[in-house]
Amino acid sequence: MMSLKNYKQAQEFLAGTQRAAQDAEQIVRAEAEKLANCGQIYPIKTIENGHQVTRYIGDSAATFQQFTLPGRKFTIDNPRRGGGK
């Protein structure tokens, strides 16, 4: 049987461990948000169920940036509305 003192110590240890896990999750989320608009994509490799899994975080627009055309500007010359220039 566990004494009351040991039970309280175990509860305090568990609460501290839960706070540490929450702090770590907040740090990871903050880093992910920081990377979301950085213009690059970073691979994150993990092992899940014995398999290596690669996930990418970062700016999703960076993936297709090299394939996008630059924006074009134009004016319409309409004499009935003042020429457009």
PDB file of N, CA and C in Angstrom:
ATOM      1  N   MET A   1       0.835  -1.176   0.000  1.00  0.00           N
ATOM      2  CA  MET A   1       0.000   0.000   0.000  1.00  0.00           C
ATOM      3  C   MET A   1       0.881   1.241   0.000  1.00  0.00           C
ATOM      4  N   MET A   2       0.458   2.263  -0.752  1.00  0.00           N
ATOM      5  CA  MET A   2       1.234   3.484  -0.895  1.00  0.00           C
ATOM      6  C   MET A   2       0.852   4.459   0.214  1.00  0.00           C
ATOM      7  N   SER A   3       1.882   5.073   0.789  1.00  0.00           N
ATOM      8  CA  SER A   3       1.602   6.039   1.846  1.00  0.00           C
ATOM      9  C   SER A   3       1.106   7.345   1.226  1.00  0.00           C
ATOM     10  N   LEU A   4       0.506   8.175   2.050  1.00  0.00           N
ATOM     11  CA  LEU A   4      -0.034   9.452   1.588  1.00  0.00           C
ATOM     12  C   LEU A   4       1.081  10.357   1.078  1.00  0.00           C
ATOM     13  N   LYS A   5       2.235  10.316   1.731  1.00  0.00           N
ATOM     14  CA  LYS A   5       3.374  11.139   1.310  1.00  0.00           C
ATOM     15  C   LYS A   5       3.849  10.712  -0.075  1.00  0.00           C
ATOM     16  N   ASN A   6       3.985   9.409  -0.292  1.00  0.00           N
ATOM     17  CA  ASN A   6       4.410   8.913  -1.600  1.00  0.00           C
ATOM     18  C   ASN A   6       3.376   9.219  -2.680  1.00  0.00           C
ATOM     19  N   TYR A   7       2.101   9.153  -2.322  1.00  0.00           N
ATOM     20  CA  TYR A   7       1.028   9.450  -3.264  1.00  0.00           C
ATOM     21  C   TYR A   7       1.090  10.912  -3.701  1.00  0.00           C
ATOM     22  N   LYS A   8       1.297  11.817  -2.737  1.00  0.00           N
ATOM     23  CA  LYS A   8       1.390  13.254  -3.061  1.00  0.00           C
ATOM     24  C   LYS A   8       2.616  13.529  -3.926  1.00  0.00           C
ATOM     25  N   GLN A   9       3.738  12.867  -3.621  1.00  0.00           N
ATOM     26  CA  GLN A   9       4.940  13.044  -4.428  1.00  0.00           C
ATOM     27  C   GLN A   9       4.705  12.557  -5.855  1.00  0.00           C
ATOM     28  N   ALA A  10       4.017  11.438  -5.996  1.00  0.00           N
ATOM     29  CA  ALA A  10       3.722  10.909  -7.321  1.00  0.00           C
ATOM     30  C   ALA A  10       2.809  11.859  -8.091  1.00  0.00           C
ATOM     31  N   GLN A  11       1.830  12.443  -7.422  1.00  0.00           N
ATOM     32  CA  GLN A  11       0.933  13.402  -8.079  1.00  0.00           C
ATOM     33  C   GLN A  11       1.695  14.639  -8.523  1.00  0.00           C
ATOM     34  N   GLU A  12       2.574  15.141  -7.675  1.00  0.00           N
ATOM     35  CA  GLU A  12       3.365  16.323  -8.021  1.00  0.00           C
ATOM     36  C   GLU A  12       4.286  16.018  -9.204  1.00  0.00           C
ATOM     37  N   PHE A  13       4.882  14.838  -9.192  1.00  0.00           N
ATOM     38  CA  PHE A  13       5.754  14.435 -10.298  1.00  0.00           C
ATOM     39  C   PHE A  13       4.964  14.362 -11.597  1.00  0.00           C
ATOM     40  N   LEU A  14       3.774  13.762 -11.551  1.00  0.00           N
ATOM     41  CA  LEU A  14       2.931  13.647 -12.732  1.00  0.00           C
ATOM     42  C   LEU A  14       2.510  15.026 -13.232  1.00  0.00           C
ATOM     43  N   ALA A  15       2.134  15.915 -12.338  1.00  0.00           N
ATOM     44  CA  ALA A  15       1.733  17.268 -12.739  1.00  0.00           C
ATOM     45  C   ALA A  15       2.909  18.001 -13.390  1.00  0.00           C
ATOM     46  N   GLY A  16       4.098  17.842 -12.825  1.00  0.00           N
ATOM     47  CA  GLY A  16       5.287  18.469 -13.414  1.00  0.00           C
ATOM     48  C   GLY A  16       5.602  17.916 -14.787  1.00  0.00           C
ATOM     49  N   THR A  17       5.446  16.618 -14.947  1.00  0.00           N
ATOM     50  CA  THR A  17       5.690  15.985 -16.239  1.00  0.00           C
ATOM     51  C   THR A  17       4.679  16.459 -17.278  1.00  0.00           C
ATOM     52  N   GLN A  18       3.421  16.592 -16.872  1.00  0.00           N
ATOM     53  CA  GLN A  18       2.394  17.087 -17.797  1.00  0.00           C
ATOM     54  C   GLN A  18       2.670  18.525 -18.200  1.00  0.00           C
ATOM     55  N   ARG A  19       3.100  19.366 -17.256  1.00  0.00           N
ATOM     56  CA  ARG A  19       3.438  20.761 -17.591  1.00  0.00           C
ATOM     57  C   ARG A  19       4.613  20.805 -18.564  1.00  0.00           C
ATOM     58  N   ALA A  20       5.614  19.962 -18.340  1.00  0.00           N
ATOM     59  CA  ALA A  20       6.772  19.927 -19.237  1.00  0.00           C
ATOM     60  C   ALA A  20       6.362  19.506 -20.647  1.00  0.00           C
ATOM     61  N   ALA A  21       5.469  18.531 -20.748  1.00  0.00           N
ATOM     62  CA  ALA A  21       4.988  18.090 -22.064  1.00  0.00           C
ATOM     63  C   ALA A  21       4.201  19.196 -22.757  1.00  0.00           C
ATOM     64  N   GLN A  22       3.369  19.918 -22.013  1.00  0.00           N
ATOM     65  CA  GLN A  22       2.607  21.026 -22.596  1.00  0.00           C
ATOM     66  C   GLN A  22       3.542  22.144 -23.059  1.00  0.00           C
ATOM     67  N   ASP A  23       4.565  22.435 -22.257  1.00  0.00           N
ATOM     68  CA  ASP A  23       5.528  23.453 -22.659  1.00  0.00           C
ATOM     69  C   ASP A  23       6.253  23.050 -23.935  1.00  0.00           C
ATOM     70  N   ALA A  24       6.633  21.778 -24.029  1.00  0.00           N
ATOM     71  CA  ALA A  24       7.315  21.292 -25.229  1.00  0.00           C
ATOM     72  C   ALA A  24       6.408  21.388 -26.449  1.00  0.00           C
ATOM     73  N   GLU A  25       5.131  21.063 -26.299  1.00  0.00           N
ATOM     74  CA  GLU A  25       4.185  21.171 -27.411  1.00  0.00           C
ATOM     75  C   GLU A  25       4.028  22.616 -27.851  1.00  0.00           C
ATOM     76  N   GLN A  26       3.980  23.552 -26.905  1.00  0.00           N
ATOM     77  CA  GLN A  26       3.866  24.968 -27.249  1.00  0.00           C
ATOM     78  C   GLN A  26       5.098  25.449 -28.005  1.00  0.00           C
ATOM     79  N   ILE A  27       6.275  24.975 -27.604  1.00  0.00           N
ATOM     80  CA  ILE A  27       7.501  25.365 -28.296  1.00  0.00           C
ATOM     81  C   ILE A  27       7.495  24.839 -29.725  1.00  0.00           C
ATOM     82  N   VAL A  28       7.068  23.599 -29.902  1.00  0.00           N
ATOM     83  CA  VAL A  28       7.013  23.013 -31.243  1.00  0.00           C
ATOM     84  C   VAL A  28       6.012  23.761 -32.107  1.00  0.00           C
ATOM     85  N   ARG A  29       4.858  24.090 -31.557  1.00  0.00           N
ATOM     86  CA  ARG A  29       3.856  24.857 -32.327  1.00  0.00           C
ATOM     87  C   ARG A  29       4.397  26.232 -32.718  1.00  0.00           C
ATOM     88  N   ALA A  30       5.088  26.901 -31.791  1.00  0.00           N
ATOM     89  CA  ALA A  30       5.645  28.218 -32.083  1.00  0.00           C
ATOM     90  C   ALA A  30       6.688  28.123 -33.195  1.00  0.00           C
ATOM     91  N   GLU A  31       7.528  27.094 -33.156  1.00  0.00           N
ATOM     92  CA  GLU A  31       8.522  26.907 -34.212  1.00  0.00           C
ATOM     93  C   GLU A  31       7.852  26.628 -35.554  1.00  0.00           C
ATOM     94  N   ALA A  32       6.813  25.824 -35.548  1.00  0.00           N
ATOM     95  CA  ALA A  32       6.098  25.504 -36.788  1.00  0.00           C
ATOM     96  C   ALA A  32       5.448  26.757 -37.370  1.00  0.00           C
ATOM     97  N   GLU A  33       4.874  27.598 -36.517  1.00  0.00           N
ATOM     98  CA  GLU A  33       4.264  28.847 -36.994  1.00  0.00           C
ATOM     99  C   GLU A  33       5.328  29.776 -37.562  1.00  0.00           C
ATOM    100  N   LYS A  34       6.488  29.801 -36.931  1.00  0.00           N
ATOM    101  CA  LYS A  34       7.577  30.647 -37.404  1.00  0.00           C
ATOM    102  C   LYS A  34       8.046  30.190 -38.787  1.00  0.00           C
ATOM    103  N   LEU A  35       8.086  28.872 -38.992  1.00  0.00           N
ATOM    104  CA  LEU A  35       8.534  28.321 -40.271  1.00  0.00           C
ATOM    105  C   LEU A  35       7.472  28.385 -41.354  1.00  0.00           C
ATOM    106  N   ALA A  36       6.212  28.603 -40.967  1.00  0.00           N
ATOM    107  CA  ALA A  36       5.108  28.550 -41.926  1.00  0.00           C
ATOM    108  C   ALA A  36       5.237  29.581 -43.033  1.00  0.00           C
ATOM    109  N   ASN A  37       5.856  30.720 -42.773  1.00  0.00           N
ATOM    110  CA  ASN A  37       5.952  31.769 -43.782  1.00  0.00           C
ATOM    111  C   ASN A  37       7.397  32.163 -44.066  1.00  0.00           C
ATOM    112  N   CYS A  38       8.307  31.227 -43.950  1.00  0.00           N
ATOM    113  CA  CYS A  38       9.723  31.560 -44.108  1.00  0.00           C
ATOM    114  C   CYS A  38      10.213  31.421 -45.540  1.00  0.00           C
ATOM    115  N   GLY A  39       9.393  30.882 -46.448  1.00  0.00           N
ATOM    116  CA  GLY A  39       9.805  30.730 -47.834  1.00  0.00           C
ATOM    117  C   GLY A  39      10.557  29.446 -48.118  1.00  0.00           C
ATOM    118  N   GLN A  40      10.609  28.531 -47.153  1.00  0.00           N
ATOM    119  CA  GLN A  40      11.297  27.257 -47.350  1.00  0.00           C
ATOM    120  C   GLN A  40      10.471  26.137 -46.740  1.00  0.00           C
ATOM    121  N   ILE A  41      10.804  24.922 -47.110  1.00  0.00           N
ATOM    122  CA  ILE A  41      10.157  23.737 -46.541  1.00  0.00           C
ATOM    123  C   ILE A  41      11.245  22.873 -45.909  1.00  0.00           C
ATOM    124  N   TYR A  42      10.963  22.357 -44.720  1.00  0.00           N
ATOM    125  CA  TYR A  42      11.914  21.535 -43.983  1.00  0.00           C
ATOM    126  C   TYR A  42      11.323  20.154 -43.740  1.00  0.00           C
ATOM    127  N   PRO A  43      12.112  19.097 -43.993  1.00  0.00           N
ATOM    128  CA  PRO A  43      11.622  17.743 -43.707  1.00  0.00           C
ATOM    129  C   PRO A  43      11.787  17.401 -42.230  1.00  0.00           C
ATOM    130  N   ILE A  44      10.800  16.741 -41.671  1.00  0.00           N
ATOM    131  CA  ILE A  44      10.847  16.229 -40.305  1.00  0.00           C
ATOM    132  C   ILE A  44      10.686  14.716 -40.399  1.00  0.00           C
ATOM    133  N   LYS A  45      11.719  13.985 -40.006  1.00  0.00           N
ATOM    134  CA  LYS A  45      11.681  12.523 -40.102  1.00  0.00           C
ATOM    135  C   LYS A  45      11.434  11.925 -38.725  1.00  0.00           C
ATOM    136  N   THR A  46      10.487  10.991 -38.661  1.00  0.00           N
ATOM    137  CA  THR A  46      10.163  10.297 -37.420  1.00  0.00           C
ATOM    138  C   THR A  46      10.039   8.813 -37.710  1.00  0.00           C
ATOM    139  N   ILE A  47      10.090   8.026 -36.654  1.00  0.00           N
ATOM    140  CA  ILE A  47       9.877   6.585 -36.760  1.00  0.00           C
ATOM    141  C   ILE A  47       8.516   6.288 -36.141  1.00  0.00           C
ATOM    142  N   GLU A  48       7.609   5.726 -36.948  1.00  0.00           N
ATOM    143  CA  GLU A  48       6.277   5.376 -36.471  1.00  0.00           C
ATOM    144  C   GLU A  48       5.998   3.922 -36.842  1.00  0.00           C
ATOM    145  N   ASN A  49       5.709   3.122 -35.842  1.00  0.00           N
ATOM    146  CA  ASN A  49       5.415   1.695 -36.041  1.00  0.00           C
ATOM    147  C   ASN A  49       6.515   0.992 -36.833  1.00  0.00           C
ATOM    148  N   GLY A  50       7.748   1.384 -36.582  1.00  0.00           N
ATOM    149  CA  GLY A  50       8.878   0.739 -37.241  1.00  0.00           C
ATOM    150  C   GLY A  50       9.175   1.247 -38.638  1.00  0.00           C
ATOM    151  N   HIS A  51       8.468   2.266 -39.106  1.00  0.00           N
ATOM    152  CA  HIS A  51       8.682   2.819 -40.438  1.00  0.00           C
ATOM    153  C   HIS A  51       9.124   4.266 -40.324  1.00  0.00           C
ATOM    154  N   GLN A  52      10.035   4.663 -41.197  1.00  0.00           N
ATOM    155  CA  GLN A  52      10.472   6.060 -41.211  1.00  0.00           C
ATOM    156  C   GLN A  52       9.451   6.879 -41.990  1.00  0.00           C
ATOM    157  N   VAL A  53       8.933   7.929 -41.358  1.00  0.00           N
ATOM    158  CA  VAL A  53       7.924   8.795 -41.961  1.00  0.00           C
ATOM    159  C   VAL A  53       8.521  10.193 -42.085  1.00  0.00           C
ATOM    160  N   THR A  54       8.387  10.779 -43.261  1.00  0.00           N
ATOM    161  CA  THR A  54       8.880  12.128 -43.485  1.00  0.00           C
ATOM    162  C   THR A  54       7.688  13.055 -43.699  1.00  0.00           C
ATOM    163  N   ARG A  55       7.615  14.091 -42.881  1.00  0.00           N
ATOM    164  CA  ARG A  55       6.599  15.140 -43.036  1.00  0.00           C
ATOM    165  C   ARG A  55       7.340  16.441 -43.288  1.00  0.00           C
ATOM    166  N   TYR A  56       6.699  17.339 -43.994  1.00  0.00           N
ATOM    167  CA  TYR A  56       7.329  18.602 -44.333  1.00  0.00           C
ATOM    168  C   TYR A  56       6.559  19.740 -43.679  1.00  0.00           C
ATOM    169  N   ILE A  57       7.305  20.674 -43.091  1.00  0.00           N
ATOM    170  CA  ILE A  57       6.697  21.865 -42.522  1.00  0.00           C
ATOM    171  C   ILE A  57       7.362  23.071 -43.150  1.00  0.00           C
ATOM    172  N   GLY A  58       6.652  24.150 -43.160  1.00  0.00           N
ATOM    173  CA  GLY A  58       7.194  25.384 -43.718  1.00  0.00           C
ATOM    174  C   GLY A  58       6.175  26.042 -44.622  1.00  0.00           C
ATOM    175  N   ASP A  59       6.672  26.851 -45.513  1.00  0.00           N
ATOM    176  CA  ASP A  59       5.840  27.634 -46.412  1.00  0.00           C
ATOM    177  C   ASP A  59       5.428  26.775 -47.603  1.00  0.00           C
ATOM    178  N   SER A  60       4.154  26.410 -47.669  1.00  0.00           N
ATOM    179  CA  SER A  60       3.699  25.536 -48.757  1.00  0.00           C
ATOM    180  C   SER A  60       3.809  26.214 -50.112  1.00  0.00           C
ATOM    181  N   ALA A  61       3.753  27.532 -50.166  1.00  0.00           N
ATOM    182  CA  ALA A  61       3.891  28.243 -51.437  1.00  0.00           C
ATOM    183  C   ALA A  61       5.307  28.101 -51.988  1.00  0.00           C
ATOM    184  N   ALA A  62       6.272  27.811 -51.142  1.00  0.00           N
ATOM    185  CA  ALA A  62       7.659  27.668 -51.580  1.00  0.00           C
ATOM    186  C   ALA A  62       7.832  26.472 -52.502  1.00  0.00           C
ATOM    187  N   THR A  63       6.987  25.468 -52.372  1.00  0.00           N
ATOM    188  CA  THR A  63       7.099  24.268 -53.202  1.00  0.00           C
ATOM    189  C   THR A  63       6.903  24.605 -54.672  1.00  0.00           C
ATOM    190  N   PHE A  64       5.914  25.398 -54.983  1.00  0.00           N
ATOM    191  CA  PHE A  64       5.574  25.679 -56.370  1.00  0.00           C
ATOM    192  C   PHE A  64       6.025  27.062 -56.830  1.00  0.00           C
ATOM    193  N   GLN A  65       6.791  27.746 -56.024  1.00  0.00           N
ATOM    194  CA  GLN A  65       7.213  29.103 -56.360  1.00  0.00           C
ATOM    195  C   GLN A  65       8.013  29.137 -57.650  1.00  0.00           C
ATOM    196  N   GLN A  66       8.857  28.141 -57.892  1.00  0.00           N
ATOM    197  CA  GLN A  66       9.673  28.133 -59.101  1.00  0.00           C
ATOM    198  C   GLN A  66       8.842  27.912 -60.363  1.00  0.00           C
ATOM    199  N   PHE A  67       7.611  27.423 -60.219  1.00  0.00           N
ATOM    200  CA  PHE A  67       6.770  27.146 -61.369  1.00  0.00           C
ATOM    201  C   PHE A  67       5.752  28.261 -61.654  1.00  0.00           C
ATOM    202  N   THR A  68       5.628  29.224 -60.766  1.00  0.00           N
ATOM    203  CA  THR A  68       4.635  30.281 -60.964  1.00  0.00           C
ATOM    204  C   THR A  68       5.199  31.391 -61.843  1.00  0.00           C
ATOM    205  N   LEU A  69       4.326  31.968 -62.614  1.00  0.00           N
ATOM    206  CA  LEU A  69       4.713  33.083 -63.464  1.00  0.00           C
ATOM    207  C   LEU A  69       4.626  34.381 -62.669  1.00  0.00           C
ATOM    208  N   PRO A  70       5.477  35.341 -63.000  1.00  0.00           N
ATOM    209  CA  PRO A  70       5.368  36.623 -62.309  1.00  0.00           C
ATOM    210  C   PRO A  70       4.070  37.325 -62.690  1.00  0.00           C
ATOM    211  N   GLY A  71       3.559  38.142 -61.804  1.00  0.00           N
ATOM    212  CA  GLY A  71       2.318  38.864 -62.069  1.00  0.00           C
ATOM    213  C   GLY A  71       2.484  39.854 -63.196  1.00  0.00           C
ATOM    214  N   ARG A  72       1.427  40.093 -63.897  1.00  0.00           N
ATOM    215  CA  ARG A  72       1.471  41.046 -65.018  1.00  0.00           C
ATOM    216  C   ARG A  72       0.532  42.206 -64.724  1.00  0.00           C
ATOM    217  N   LYS A  73       0.960  43.398 -65.112  1.00  0.00           N
ATOM    218  CA  LYS A  73       0.135  44.594 -64.947  1.00  0.00           C
ATOM    219  C   LYS A  73      -0.221  45.125 -66.325  1.00  0.00           C
ATOM    220  N   PHE A  74      -1.429  45.595 -66.435  1.00  0.00           N
ATOM    221  CA  PHE A  74      -1.856  46.155 -67.709  1.00  0.00           C
ATOM    222  C   PHE A  74      -2.892  47.231 -67.458  1.00  0.00           C
ATOM    223  N   THR A  75      -3.077  48.075 -68.451  1.00  0.00           N
ATOM    224  CA  THR A  75      -4.122  49.106 -68.391  1.00  0.00           C
ATOM    225  C   THR A  75      -4.981  48.971 -69.642  1.00  0.00           C
ATOM    226  N   ILE A  76      -6.215  49.364 -69.508  1.00  0.00           N
ATOM    227  CA  ILE A  76      -7.146  49.335 -70.636  1.00  0.00           C
ATOM    228  C   ILE A  76      -7.362  50.772 -71.089  1.00  0.00           C
ATOM    229  N   ASP A  77      -7.082  50.983 -72.349  1.00  0.00           N
ATOM    230  CA  ASP A  77      -7.246  52.319 -72.917  1.00  0.00           C
ATOM    231  C   ASP A  77      -8.674  52.457 -73.431  1.00  0.00           C
ATOM    232  N   ASN A  78      -9.534  53.093 -72.634  1.00  0.00           N
ATOM    233  CA  ASN A  78     -10.923  53.284 -72.991  1.00  0.00           C
ATOM    234  C   ASN A  78     -11.175  54.798 -73.100  1.00  0.00           C
ATOM    235  N   PRO A  79     -11.326  55.287 -74.306  1.00  0.00           N
ATOM    236  CA  PRO A  79     -11.504  56.751 -74.475  1.00  0.00           C
ATOM    237  C   PRO A  79     -12.792  57.284 -73.829  1.00  0.00           C
ATOM    238  N   ARG A  80     -13.801  56.435 -73.658  1.00  0.00           N
ATOM    239  CA  ARG A  80     -15.048  56.913 -73.063  1.00  0.00           C
ATOM    240  C   ARG A  80     -14.888  57.130 -71.552  1.00  0.00           C
ATOM    241  N   ARG A  81     -13.883  56.550 -70.930  1.00  0.00           N
ATOM    242  CA  ARG A  81     -13.692  56.678 -69.478  1.00  0.00           C
ATOM    243  C   ARG A  81     -12.400  57.410 -69.129  1.00  0.00           C
ATOM    244  N   GLY A  82     -11.898  58.178 -69.999  1.00  0.00           N
ATOM    245  CA  GLY A  82     -10.715  58.983 -69.677  1.00  0.00           C
ATOM    246  C   GLY A  82      -9.407  58.379 -70.126  1.00  0.00           C
ATOM    247  N   GLY A  83      -9.422  57.376 -70.912  1.00  0.00           N
ATOM    248  CA  GLY A  83      -8.176  56.861 -71.493  1.00  0.00           C
ATOM    249  C   GLY A  83      -7.503  55.770 -70.676  1.00  0.00           C
ATOM    250  N   GLY A  84      -7.760  55.609 -69.410  1.00  0.00           N
ATOM    251  CA  GLY A  84      -7.166  54.552 -68.629  1.00  0.00           C
ATOM    252  C   GLY A  84      -5.724  54.751 -68.253  1.00  0.00           C
ATOM    253  N   LYS A  85      -5.118  55.876 -68.634  1.00  0.00           N
ATOM    254  CA  LYS A  85      -3.704  56.100 -68.296  1.00  0.00           C
ATOM    255  C   LYS A  85      -3.547  57.199 -67.298  1.00  0.00           C
TER     256      LYS A  85
END
